[in-house]
PDB file of N, CA and C in Angstrom:
ATOM      1  N   UNK A   1      39.376-104.575 -96.857  1.00  0.00           N
ATOM      2  CA  UNK A   1      39.858-105.592 -96.135  1.00  0.00           C
ATOM      3  C   UNK A   1      40.278-106.164 -97.180  1.00  0.00           C
ATOM      4  N   UNK A   2      41.294-107.387 -97.330  1.00  0.00           N
ATOM      5  CA  UNK A   2      41.588-108.301 -98.147  1.00  0.00           C
ATOM      6  C   UNK A   2      40.737-109.233 -98.117  1.00  0.00           C
ATOM      7  N   UNK A   3      41.273-110.026 -99.054  1.00  0.00           N
ATOM      8  CA  UNK A   3      40.402-112.014 -98.874  1.00  0.00           C
ATOM      9  C   UNK A   3      41.511-112.452 -97.828  1.00  0.00           C
ATOM     10  N   UNK A   4      42.427-112.208 -97.524  1.00  0.00           N
ATOM     11  CA  UNK A   4      43.490-113.271 -96.502  1.00  0.00           C
ATOM     12  C   UNK A   4      43.007-112.355 -95.257  1.00  0.00           C
ATOM     13  N   UNK A   5      43.099-111.382 -94.855  1.00  0.00           N
ATOM     14  CA  UNK A   5      42.274-111.129 -93.682  1.00  0.00           C
ATOM     15  C   UNK A   5      41.253-111.318 -93.587  1.00  0.00           C
ATOM     16  N   UNK A   6      40.389-111.200 -94.185  1.00  0.00           N
ATOM     17  CA  UNK A   6      39.009-112.167 -94.114  1.00  0.00           C
ATOM     18  C   UNK A   6      39.359-113.340 -93.768  1.00  0.00           C
ATOM     19  N   UNK A   7      40.126-114.474 -94.763  1.00  0.00           N
ATOM     20  CA  UNK A   7      39.422-115.562 -94.577  1.00  0.00           C
ATOM     21  C   UNK A   7      39.643-115.773 -93.113  1.00  0.00           C
ATOM     22  N   UNK A   8      41.272-115.022 -92.946  1.00  0.00           N
ATOM     23  CA  UNK A   8      41.376-115.319 -91.298  1.00  0.00           C
ATOM     24  C   UNK A   8      40.524-115.796 -90.027  1.00  0.00           C
ATOM     25  N   UNK A   9      40.091-114.286 -90.291  1.00  0.00           N
ATOM     26  CA  UNK A   9      39.176-113.945 -89.262  1.00  0.00           C
ATOM     27  C   UNK A   9      38.237-114.883 -89.330  1.00  0.00           C
ATOM     28  N   UNK A  10      37.831-115.151 -90.385  1.00  0.00           N
ATOM     29  CA  UNK A  10      36.204-116.328 -90.211  1.00  0.00           C
ATOM     30  C   UNK A  10      36.668-117.611 -90.244  1.00  0.00           C
ATOM     31  N   UNK A  11      37.738-118.196 -90.732  1.00  0.00           N
ATOM     32  CA  UNK A  11      37.976-119.372 -90.078  1.00  0.00           C
ATOM     33  C   UNK A  11      38.855-119.860 -89.362  1.00  0.00           C
ATOM     34  N   UNK A  12      39.622-118.943 -88.845  1.00  0.00           N
ATOM     35  CA  UNK A  12      40.505-118.905 -87.276  1.00  0.00           C
ATOM     36  C   UNK A  12      40.571-118.467 -86.367  1.00  0.00           C
ATOM     37  N   UNK A  13      39.966-117.402 -86.180  1.00  0.00           N
ATOM     38  CA  UNK A  13      39.397-116.536 -84.906  1.00  0.00           C
ATOM     39  C   UNK A  13      38.528-117.032 -83.884  1.00  0.00           C
ATOM     40  N   UNK A  14      38.728-117.243 -83.261  1.00  0.00           N
ATOM     41  CA  UNK A  14      37.921-118.829 -82.179  1.00  0.00           C
ATOM     42  C   UNK A  14      36.362-117.594 -81.896  1.00  0.00           C
ATOM     43  N   UNK A  15      36.476-116.198 -82.304  1.00  0.00           N
ATOM     44  CA  UNK A  15      35.292-115.399 -81.696  1.00  0.00           C
ATOM     45  C   UNK A  15      34.042-115.481 -83.472  1.00  0.00           C
ATOM     46  N   UNK A  16      35.197-115.660 -83.583  1.00  0.00           N
ATOM     47  CA  UNK A  16      34.098-116.318 -85.419  1.00  0.00           C
ATOM     48  C   UNK A  16      33.638-117.438 -85.612  1.00  0.00           C
ATOM     49  N   UNK A  17      34.095-118.516 -84.323  1.00  0.00           N
ATOM     50  CA  UNK A  17      34.068-119.524 -85.551  1.00  0.00           C
ATOM     51  C   UNK A  17      32.436-120.180 -85.239  1.00  0.00           C
ATOM     52  N   UNK A  18      31.137-119.394 -85.195  1.00  0.00           N
ATOM     53  CA  UNK A  18      30.437-119.592 -85.505  1.00  0.00           C
ATOM     54  C   UNK A  18      29.604-119.703 -87.156  1.00  0.00           C
ATOM     55  N   UNK A  19      30.351-118.788 -87.657  1.00  0.00           N
ATOM     56  CA  UNK A  19      30.925-118.392 -89.241  1.00  0.00           C
ATOM     57  C   UNK A  19      31.459-119.690 -89.920  1.00  0.00           C
ATOM     58  N   UNK A  20      31.947-120.555 -89.803  1.00  0.00           N
ATOM     59  CA  UNK A  20      32.440-121.469 -90.279  1.00  0.00           C
ATOM     60  C   UNK A  20      31.428-122.207 -90.853  1.00  0.00           C
ATOM     61  N   UNK A  21      31.849-122.294 -92.483  1.00  0.00           N
ATOM     62  CA  UNK A  21      31.121-123.724 -93.213  1.00  0.00           C
ATOM     63  C   UNK A  21      31.925-124.438 -93.772  1.00  0.00           C
ATOM     64  N   UNK A  22      31.546-125.701 -93.987  1.00  0.00           N
ATOM     65  CA  UNK A  22      32.204-126.743 -94.803  1.00  0.00           C
ATOM     66  C   UNK A  22      32.752-126.403 -96.007  1.00  0.00           C
ATOM     67  N   UNK A  23      32.678-125.601 -96.632  1.00  0.00           N
ATOM     68  CA  UNK A  23      33.601-125.390 -97.467  1.00  0.00           C
ATOM     69  C   UNK A  23      34.509-124.302 -97.618  1.00  0.00           C
ATOM     70  N   UNK A  24      34.269-123.595 -96.530  1.00  0.00           N
ATOM     71  CA  UNK A  24      35.294-122.403 -96.582  1.00  0.00           C
ATOM     72  C   UNK A  24      36.318-122.152 -97.334  1.00  0.00           C
ATOM     73  N   UNK A  25      37.618-123.853 -97.492  1.00  0.00           N
ATOM     74  CA  UNK A  25      38.952-124.014 -98.191  1.00  0.00           C
ATOM     75  C   UNK A  25      38.436-123.269 -99.345  1.00  0.00           C
ATOM     76  N   UNK A  26      37.517-123.965 -99.981  1.00  0.00           N
ATOM     77  CA  UNK A  26      36.913-123.959-101.962  1.00  0.00           C
ATOM     78  C   UNK A  26      36.747-122.628-102.102  1.00  0.00           C
ATOM     79  N   UNK A  27      35.885-122.493-101.003  1.00  0.00           N
ATOM     80  CA  UNK A  27      35.107-120.465-100.679  1.00  0.00           C
ATOM     81  C   UNK A  27      35.945-119.208-101.141  1.00  0.00           C
ATOM     82  N   UNK A  28      37.150-119.744-100.223  1.00  0.00           N
ATOM     83  CA  UNK A  28      37.865-118.539-100.009  1.00  0.00           C
ATOM     84  C   UNK A  28      38.968-119.154-101.198  1.00  0.00           C
ATOM     85  N   UNK A  29      39.789-120.272-101.509  1.00  0.00           N
ATOM     86  CA  UNK A  29      40.761-120.451-102.683  1.00  0.00           C
ATOM     87  C   UNK A  29      39.970-119.888-103.839  1.00  0.00           C
ATOM     88  N   UNK A  30      38.874-119.852-104.459  1.00  0.00           N
ATOM     89  CA  UNK A  30      37.907-119.237-105.259  1.00  0.00           C
ATOM     90  C   UNK A  30      38.410-117.727-105.306  1.00  0.00           C
ATOM     91  N   UNK A  31      37.316-117.239-103.799  1.00  0.00           N
ATOM     92  CA  UNK A  31      37.576-115.919-103.613  1.00  0.00           C
ATOM     93  C   UNK A  31      38.918-115.503-104.376  1.00  0.00           C
ATOM     94  N   UNK A  32      39.720-116.120-103.714  1.00  0.00           N
ATOM     95  CA  UNK A  32      41.786-115.556-103.726  1.00  0.00           C
ATOM     96  C   UNK A  32      41.845-115.368-105.145  1.00  0.00           C
ATOM     97  N   UNK A  33      41.186-116.473-106.206  1.00  0.00           N
ATOM     98  CA  UNK A  33      41.599-116.700-107.412  1.00  0.00           C
ATOM     99  C   UNK A  33      40.824-115.606-107.867  1.00  0.00           C
ATOM    100  N   UNK A  34      39.339-115.349-108.319  1.00  0.00           N
ATOM    101  CA  UNK A  34      38.684-114.246-108.303  1.00  0.00           C
ATOM    102  C   UNK A  34      39.476-113.054-108.383  1.00  0.00           C
ATOM    103  N   UNK A  35      39.836-112.332-107.366  1.00  0.00           N
ATOM    104  CA  UNK A  35      40.630-111.295-106.676  1.00  0.00           C
ATOM    105  C   UNK A  35      41.685-110.944-107.942  1.00  0.00           C
ATOM    106  N   UNK A  36      42.353-112.071-107.976  1.00  0.00           N
ATOM    107  CA  UNK A  36      43.891-111.702-108.979  1.00  0.00           C
ATOM    108  C   UNK A  36      43.068-111.190-109.970  1.00  0.00           C
ATOM    109  N   UNK A  37      42.331-112.441-110.626  1.00  0.00           N
ATOM    110  CA  UNK A  37      41.835-111.518-112.169  1.00  0.00           C
ATOM    111  C   UNK A  37      41.081-110.864-112.165  1.00  0.00           C
ATOM    112  N   UNK A  38      40.186-110.040-111.296  1.00  0.00           N
ATOM    113  CA  UNK A  38      39.926-108.693-111.218  1.00  0.00           C
ATOM    114  C   UNK A  38      40.694-107.856-111.393  1.00  0.00           C
ATOM    115  N   UNK A  39      41.818-107.743-110.311  1.00  0.00           N
ATOM    116  CA  UNK A  39      42.650-106.800-110.249  1.00  0.00           C
ATOM    117  C   UNK A  39      43.311-106.605-111.993  1.00  0.00           C
ATOM    118  N   UNK A  40      43.784-108.076-112.474  1.00  0.00           N
ATOM    119  CA  UNK A  40      44.300-107.837-113.582  1.00  0.00           C
ATOM    120  C   UNK A  40      43.458-106.936-114.916  1.00  0.00           C
ATOM    121  N   UNK A  41      41.975-107.109-114.658  1.00  0.00           N
ATOM    122  CA  UNK A  41      40.788-106.823-115.540  1.00  0.00           C
ATOM    123  C   UNK A  41      40.702-105.452-114.757  1.00  0.00           C
ATOM    124  N   UNK A  42      40.697-104.997-113.838  1.00  0.00           N
ATOM    125  CA  UNK A  42      40.225-103.715-113.395  1.00  0.00           C
ATOM    126  C   UNK A  42      41.389-102.660-113.492  1.00  0.00           C
ATOM    127  N   UNK A  43      42.816-102.981-113.445  1.00  0.00           N
ATOM    128  CA  UNK A  43      44.130-102.208-112.821  1.00  0.00           C
ATOM    129  C   UNK A  43      44.401-102.264-114.286  1.00  0.00           C
ATOM    130  N   UNK A  44      44.603-103.096-115.151  1.00  0.00           N
ATOM    131  CA  UNK A  44      45.259-103.765-116.248  1.00  0.00           C
ATOM    132  C   UNK A  44      44.525-102.588-117.774  1.00  0.00           C
ATOM    133  N   UNK A  45      45.832-103.261-118.524  1.00  0.00           N
ATOM    134  CA  UNK A  45      45.272-102.051-119.887  1.00  0.00           C
ATOM    135  C   UNK A  45      45.345-103.443-120.768  1.00  0.00           C
ATOM    136  N   UNK A  46      43.760-103.766-121.053  1.00  0.00           N
ATOM    137  CA  UNK A  46      43.495-104.280-122.995  1.00  0.00           C
ATOM    138  C   UNK A  46      44.576-103.801-123.593  1.00  0.00           C
ATOM    139  N   UNK A  47      45.318-104.767-123.931  1.00  0.00           N
ATOM    140  CA  UNK A  47      46.664-104.955-124.787  1.00  0.00           C
ATOM    141  C   UNK A  47      45.895-105.481-126.029  1.00  0.00           C
ATOM    142  N   UNK A  48      45.068-106.600-126.097  1.00  0.00           N
ATOM    143  CA  UNK A  48      44.751-107.579-127.781  1.00  0.00           C
ATOM    144  C   UNK A  48      43.887-108.883-127.109  1.00  0.00           C
ATOM    145  N   UNK A  49      42.844-108.414-128.008  1.00  0.00           N
ATOM    146  CA  UNK A  49      41.927-109.554-127.821  1.00  0.00           C
ATOM    147  C   UNK A  49      41.787-110.153-129.258  1.00  0.00           C
ATOM    148  N   UNK A  50      41.623-111.899-129.169  1.00  0.00           N
ATOM    149  CA  UNK A  50      41.659-112.851-129.981  1.00  0.00           C
ATOM    150  C   UNK A  50      40.094-112.765-130.706  1.00  0.00           C
ATOM    151  N   UNK A  51      39.639-112.479-131.680  1.00  0.00           N
ATOM    152  CA  UNK A  51      38.501-112.423-132.062  1.00  0.00           C
ATOM    153  C   UNK A  51      38.131-113.586-132.727  1.00  0.00           C
ATOM    154  N   UNK A  52      38.694-114.647-132.778  1.00  0.00           N
ATOM    155  CA  UNK A  52      38.257-116.138-132.998  1.00  0.00           C
ATOM    156  C   UNK A  52      38.065-116.589-131.798  1.00  0.00           C
ATOM    157  N   UNK A  53      38.787-116.754-130.895  1.00  0.00           N
ATOM    158  CA  UNK A  53      38.580-117.058-129.593  1.00  0.00           C
ATOM    159  C   UNK A  53      37.954-116.728-128.235  1.00  0.00           C
ATOM    160  N   UNK A  54      37.869-115.472-128.421  1.00  0.00           N
ATOM    161  CA  UNK A  54      37.490-114.406-127.615  1.00  0.00           C
ATOM    162  C   UNK A  54      38.899-114.055-126.504  1.00  0.00           C
ATOM    163  N   UNK A  55      40.069-114.670-126.163  1.00  0.00           N
ATOM    164  CA  UNK A  55      40.879-115.171-125.370  1.00  0.00           C
ATOM    165  C   UNK A  55      41.538-113.145-125.349  1.00  0.00           C
ATOM    166  N   UNK A  56      41.714-112.851-124.533  1.00  0.00           N
ATOM    167  CA  UNK A  56      42.151-111.324-124.097  1.00  0.00           C
ATOM    168  C   UNK A  56      43.418-111.449-123.475  1.00  0.00           C
ATOM    169  N   UNK A  57      44.277-109.977-123.832  1.00  0.00           N
ATOM    170  CA  UNK A  57      45.312-110.596-123.247  1.00  0.00           C
ATOM    171  C   UNK A  57      45.195-108.224-122.197  1.00  0.00           C
ATOM    172  N   UNK A  58      45.717-108.447-121.072  1.00  0.00           N
ATOM    173  CA  UNK A  58      45.616-107.606-120.453  1.00  0.00           C
ATOM    174  C   UNK A  58      47.753-107.562-119.988  1.00  0.00           C
ATOM    175  N   UNK A  59      47.755-106.119-120.252  1.00  0.00           N
ATOM    176  CA  UNK A  59      48.794-105.457-119.627  1.00  0.00           C
ATOM    177  C   UNK A  59      48.936-105.102-118.299  1.00  0.00           C
ATOM    178  N   UNK A  60      50.364-105.810-117.018  1.00  0.00           N
ATOM    179  CA  UNK A  60      49.683-104.850-116.035  1.00  0.00           C
ATOM    180  C   UNK A  60      50.817-104.923-115.434  1.00  0.00           C
ATOM    181  N   UNK A  61      51.081-103.599-114.469  1.00  0.00           N
ATOM    182  CA  UNK A  61      52.566-103.818-113.674  1.00  0.00           C
ATOM    183  C   UNK A  61      52.132-104.113-112.397  1.00  0.00           C
ATOM    184  N   UNK A  62      53.104-104.194-111.814  1.00  0.00           N
ATOM    185  CA  UNK A  62      53.265-105.491-110.137  1.00  0.00           C
ATOM    186  C   UNK A  62      54.355-104.577-109.477  1.00  0.00           C
ATOM    187  N   UNK A  63      54.094-104.339-107.759  1.00  0.00           N
ATOM    188  CA  UNK A  63      55.408-104.042-107.236  1.00  0.00           C
ATOM    189  C   UNK A  63      56.559-105.324-107.109  1.00  0.00           C
ATOM    190  N   UNK A  64      57.149-104.644-106.910  1.00  0.00           N
ATOM    191  CA  UNK A  64      58.539-106.115-106.822  1.00  0.00           C
ATOM    192  C   UNK A  64      59.567-105.723-105.803  1.00  0.00           C
ATOM    193  N   UNK A  65      59.495-104.239-105.560  1.00  0.00           N
ATOM    194  CA  UNK A  65      59.860-104.022-104.489  1.00  0.00           C
ATOM    195  C   UNK A  65      59.453-102.132-103.565  1.00  0.00           C
ATOM    196  N   UNK A  66      60.539-101.824-102.691  1.00  0.00           N
ATOM    197  CA  UNK A  66      59.666-100.731-102.692  1.00  0.00           C
ATOM    198  C   UNK A  66      59.683 -99.493-103.882  1.00  0.00           C
ATOM    199  N   UNK A  67      60.492 -99.358-104.723  1.00  0.00           N
ATOM    200  CA  UNK A  67      59.950 -98.248-105.447  1.00  0.00           C
ATOM    201  C   UNK A  67      60.313 -98.958-107.104  1.00  0.00           C
ATOM    202  N   UNK A  68      60.102-100.246-107.068  1.00  0.00           N
ATOM    203  CA  UNK A  68      60.251-101.344-108.203  1.00  0.00           C
ATOM    204  C   UNK A  68      59.293-101.411-108.505  1.00  0.00           C
ATOM    205  N   UNK A  69      59.271-101.530-109.939  1.00  0.00           N
ATOM    206  CA  UNK A  69      57.649-102.093-110.479  1.00  0.00           C
ATOM    207  C   UNK A  69      58.360-102.783-112.356  1.00  0.00           C
ATOM    208  N   UNK A  70      57.099-103.662-112.457  1.00  0.00           N
ATOM    209  CA  UNK A  70      57.607-104.598-113.319  1.00  0.00           C
ATOM    210  C   UNK A  70      56.563-104.807-114.305  1.00  0.00           C
ATOM    211  N   UNK A  71      56.555-105.050-115.042  1.00  0.00           N
ATOM    212  CA  UNK A  71      55.204-105.055-116.481  1.00  0.00           C
ATOM    213  C   UNK A  71      55.494-106.274-116.819  1.00  0.00           C
ATOM    214  N   UNK A  72      53.867-106.878-117.471  1.00  0.00           N
ATOM    215  CA  UNK A  72      53.756-108.237-117.510  1.00  0.00           C
ATOM    216  C   UNK A  72      52.689-108.410-118.188  1.00  0.00           C
ATOM    217  N   UNK A  73      52.438-109.227-119.207  1.00  0.00           N
ATOM    218  CA  UNK A  73      51.028-109.533-119.618  1.00  0.00           C
ATOM    219  C   UNK A  73      50.636-111.089-118.771  1.00  0.00           C
ATOM    220  N   UNK A  74      49.235-110.963-119.206  1.00  0.00           N
ATOM    221  CA  UNK A  74      48.450-112.122-118.577  1.00  0.00           C
ATOM    222  C   UNK A  74      47.288-112.293-119.979  1.00  0.00           C
ATOM    223  N   UNK A  75      47.148-113.127-120.125  1.00  0.00           N
ATOM    224  CA  UNK A  75      45.731-114.261-121.245  1.00  0.00           C
ATOM    225  C   UNK A  75      45.144-114.631-120.594  1.00  0.00           C
ATOM    226  N   UNK A  76      43.627-114.329-120.693  1.00  0.00           N
ATOM    227  CA  UNK A  76      42.688-114.764-120.018  1.00  0.00           C
ATOM    228  C   UNK A  76      41.999-115.485-121.172  1.00  0.00           C
ATOM    229  N   UNK A  77      41.098-116.239-121.120  1.00  0.00           N
ATOM    230  CA  UNK A  77      39.646-116.764-121.628  1.00  0.00           C
ATOM    231  C   UNK A  77      38.258-115.715-121.702  1.00  0.00           C
ATOM    232  N   UNK A  78      38.378-116.430-122.843  1.00  0.00           N
ATOM    233  CA  UNK A  78      36.748-115.265-122.819  1.00  0.00           C
ATOM    234  C   UNK A  78      35.979-115.269-121.652  1.00  0.00           C
ATOM    235  N   UNK A  79      35.931-116.634-121.043  1.00  0.00           N
ATOM    236  CA  UNK A  79      34.656-117.130-119.845  1.00  0.00           C
ATOM    237  C   UNK A  79      34.826-116.242-118.799  1.00  0.00           C
ATOM    238  N   UNK A  80      36.549-115.194-118.614  1.00  0.00           N
ATOM    239  CA  UNK A  80      36.834-115.186-117.326  1.00  0.00           C
ATOM    240  C   UNK A  80      35.692-113.475-117.111  1.00  0.00           C
ATOM    241  N   UNK A  81      35.334-112.872-117.788  1.00  0.00           N
ATOM    242  CA  UNK A  81      33.840-111.906-116.999  1.00  0.00           C
ATOM    243  C   UNK A  81      32.973-112.908-116.676  1.00  0.00           C
ATOM    244  N   UNK A  82      32.355-114.071-117.463  1.00  0.00           N
ATOM    245  CA  UNK A  82      31.420-114.588-116.472  1.00  0.00           C
ATOM    246  C   UNK A  82      31.694-115.442-115.331  1.00  0.00           C
ATOM    247  N   UNK A  83      32.696-116.066-114.967  1.00  0.00           N
ATOM    248  CA  UNK A  83      33.334-116.758-114.233  1.00  0.00           C
ATOM    249  C   UNK A  83      33.535-115.734-112.537  1.00  0.00           C
ATOM    250  N   UNK A  84      34.114-114.152-113.016  1.00  0.00           N
ATOM    251  CA  UNK A  84      33.639-113.434-112.110  1.00  0.00           C
ATOM    252  C   UNK A  84      32.542-113.304-111.637  1.00  0.00           C
ATOM    253  N   UNK A  85      31.816-112.614-112.836  1.00  0.00           N
ATOM    254  CA  UNK A  85      30.391-112.365-112.451  1.00  0.00           C
ATOM    255  C   UNK A  85      29.717-113.472-111.376  1.00  0.00           C
ATOM    256  N   UNK A  86      29.929-114.815-111.709  1.00  0.00           N
ATOM    257  CA  UNK A  86      29.633-116.072-110.913  1.00  0.00           C
ATOM    258  C   UNK A  86      30.115-116.391-109.286  1.00  0.00           C
ATOM    259  N   UNK A  87      31.363-116.062-109.735  1.00  0.00           N
ATOM    260  CA  UNK A  87      32.141-115.625-108.039  1.00  0.00           C
ATOM    261  C   UNK A  87      31.726-114.503-107.129  1.00  0.00           C
ATOM    262  N   UNK A  88      31.511-113.827-107.936  1.00  0.00           N
ATOM    263  CA  UNK A  88      30.764-112.517-106.892  1.00  0.00           C
ATOM    264  C   UNK A  88      29.533-113.010-106.847  1.00  0.00           C
ATOM    265  N   UNK A  89      28.483-113.034-107.054  1.00  0.00           N
ATOM    266  CA  UNK A  89      27.070-113.641-106.584  1.00  0.00           C
ATOM    267  C   UNK A  89      27.116-114.736-105.719  1.00  0.00           C
ATOM    268  N   UNK A  90      28.374-115.522-106.111  1.00  0.00           N
ATOM    269  CA  UNK A  90      28.671-116.644-104.098  1.00  0.00           C
ATOM    270  C   UNK A  90      29.521-115.963-103.029  1.00  0.00           C
ATOM    271  N   UNK A  91      30.810-114.480-103.630  1.00  0.00           N
ATOM    272  CA  UNK A  91      30.627-114.407-102.224  1.00  0.00           C
ATOM    273  C   UNK A  91      29.637-113.653-101.306  1.00  0.00           C
ATOM    274  N   UNK A  92      28.859-112.612-102.615  1.00  0.00           N
ATOM    275  CA  UNK A  92      27.550-111.951-101.637  1.00  0.00           C
ATOM    276  C   UNK A  92      27.042-113.044-101.159  1.00  0.00           C
ATOM    277  N   UNK A  93      26.404-113.747-101.423  1.00  0.00           N
ATOM    278  CA  UNK A  93      25.477-114.776-100.660  1.00  0.00           C
ATOM    279  C   UNK A  93      26.418-115.186 -99.984  1.00  0.00           C
ATOM    280  N   UNK A  94      27.732-115.516 -99.823  1.00  0.00           N
ATOM    281  CA  UNK A  94      28.092-116.004 -97.811  1.00  0.00           C
ATOM    282  C   UNK A  94      27.939-114.990 -97.152  1.00  0.00           C
ATOM    283  N   UNK A  95      28.409-113.660 -97.851  1.00  0.00           N
ATOM    284  CA  UNK A  95      28.485-112.653 -96.870  1.00  0.00           C
ATOM    285  C   UNK A  95      27.496-112.227 -96.214  1.00  0.00           C
ATOM    286  N   UNK A  96      26.167-112.073 -97.176  1.00  0.00           N
ATOM    287  CA  UNK A  96      25.021-112.104 -96.416  1.00  0.00           C
ATOM    288  C   UNK A  96      24.843-112.787 -95.404  1.00  0.00           C
ATOM    289  N   UNK A  97      24.899-114.094 -95.599  1.00  0.00           N
ATOM    290  CA  UNK A  97      24.360-114.821 -94.564  1.00  0.00           C
ATOM    291  C   UNK A  97      25.156-115.143 -93.326  1.00  0.00           C
ATOM    292  N   UNK A  98      26.498-114.606 -93.231  1.00  0.00           N
ATOM    293  CA  UNK A  98      27.074-113.964 -91.924  1.00  0.00           C
ATOM    294  C   UNK A  98      26.557-112.707 -91.540  1.00  0.00           C
ATOM    295  N   UNK A  99      25.969-111.175 -92.546  1.00  0.00           N
ATOM    296  CA  UNK A  99      25.939-110.397 -91.814  1.00  0.00           C
ATOM    297  C   UNK A  99      24.486-111.075 -91.348  1.00  0.00           C
ATOM    298  N   UNK A 100      23.506-112.179 -91.776  1.00  0.00           N
ATOM    299  CA  UNK A 100      22.077-112.320 -91.869  1.00  0.00           C
ATOM    300  C   UNK A 100      22.427-112.473 -89.537  1.00  0.00           C
ATOM    301  N   UNK A 101      23.555-113.692 -89.507  1.00  0.00           N
ATOM    302  CA  UNK A 101      23.221-114.121 -87.683  1.00  0.00           C
ATOM    303  C   UNK A 101      24.335-112.568 -87.440  1.00  0.00           C
ATOM    304  N   UNK A 102      25.076-111.820 -87.799  1.00  0.00           N
ATOM    305  CA  UNK A 102      25.765-110.838 -86.791  1.00  0.00           C
ATOM    306  C   UNK A 102      24.534-109.912 -86.418  1.00  0.00           C
ATOM    307  N   UNK A 103      23.697-109.313 -87.446  1.00  0.00           N
ATOM    308  CA  UNK A 103      22.677-108.302 -86.824  1.00  0.00           C
ATOM    309  C   UNK A 103      21.339-108.825 -86.221  1.00  0.00           C
ATOM    310  N   UNK A 104      21.379-110.375 -86.469  1.00  0.00           N
ATOM    311  CA  UNK A 104      20.773-110.763 -85.309  1.00  0.00           C
ATOM    312  C   UNK A 104      20.864-110.863 -84.377  1.00  0.00           C
ATOM    313  N   UNK A 105      21.838-111.209 -84.246  1.00  0.00           N
ATOM    314  CA  UNK A 105      22.576-110.885 -82.484  1.00  0.00           C
ATOM    315  C   UNK A 105      22.855-110.156 -82.495  1.00  0.00           C
ATOM    316  N   UNK A 106      23.101-108.675 -82.869  1.00  0.00           N
ATOM    317  CA  UNK A 106      22.663-107.462 -82.452  1.00  0.00           C
ATOM    318  C   UNK A 106      21.336-107.082 -81.994  1.00  0.00           C
ATOM    319  N   UNK A 107      20.613-107.254 -83.006  1.00  0.00           N
ATOM    320  CA  UNK A 107      18.923-106.690 -82.730  1.00  0.00           C
ATOM    321  C   UNK A 107      18.745-107.673 -81.352  1.00  0.00           C
ATOM    322  N   UNK A 108      18.896-109.151 -80.898  1.00  0.00           N
ATOM    323  CA  UNK A 108      18.506-109.854 -80.224  1.00  0.00           C
ATOM    324  C   UNK A 108      19.322-109.015 -78.733  1.00  0.00           C
ATOM    325  N   UNK A 109      20.315-108.733 -78.852  1.00  0.00           N
ATOM    326  CA  UNK A 109      20.662-108.331 -77.479  1.00  0.00           C
ATOM    327  C   UNK A 109      20.625-106.870 -77.188  1.00  0.00           C
ATOM    328  N   UNK A 110      19.931-106.184 -78.590  1.00  0.00           N
ATOM    329  CA  UNK A 110      19.380-104.471 -77.656  1.00  0.00           C
ATOM    330  C   UNK A 110      17.961-104.957 -76.880  1.00  0.00           C
TER     331      UNK A 110
END
């Protein structure tokens, strides 16, 4: 499930209105940014690391058409892994809270 689809479900769909939170926009924007960084790291190839700054460059490919791909590089700050870990923790906590509501409703309905 993509972040964009999940965002639409939980912020716009009337049946999920009870799951909306005041910081949803900030949360989903951070999650989208994290998804892009995560894709660079997980699906990319480490091209170089600057030993002085810790910056690292990932080579990646991106679809630009049906059968066309484009290669590019992205340089990331040394703090990106720490940032991704903190965002993953926040996302997990957010979705655990939603799961608690859903499963409590299911349990109460049974």
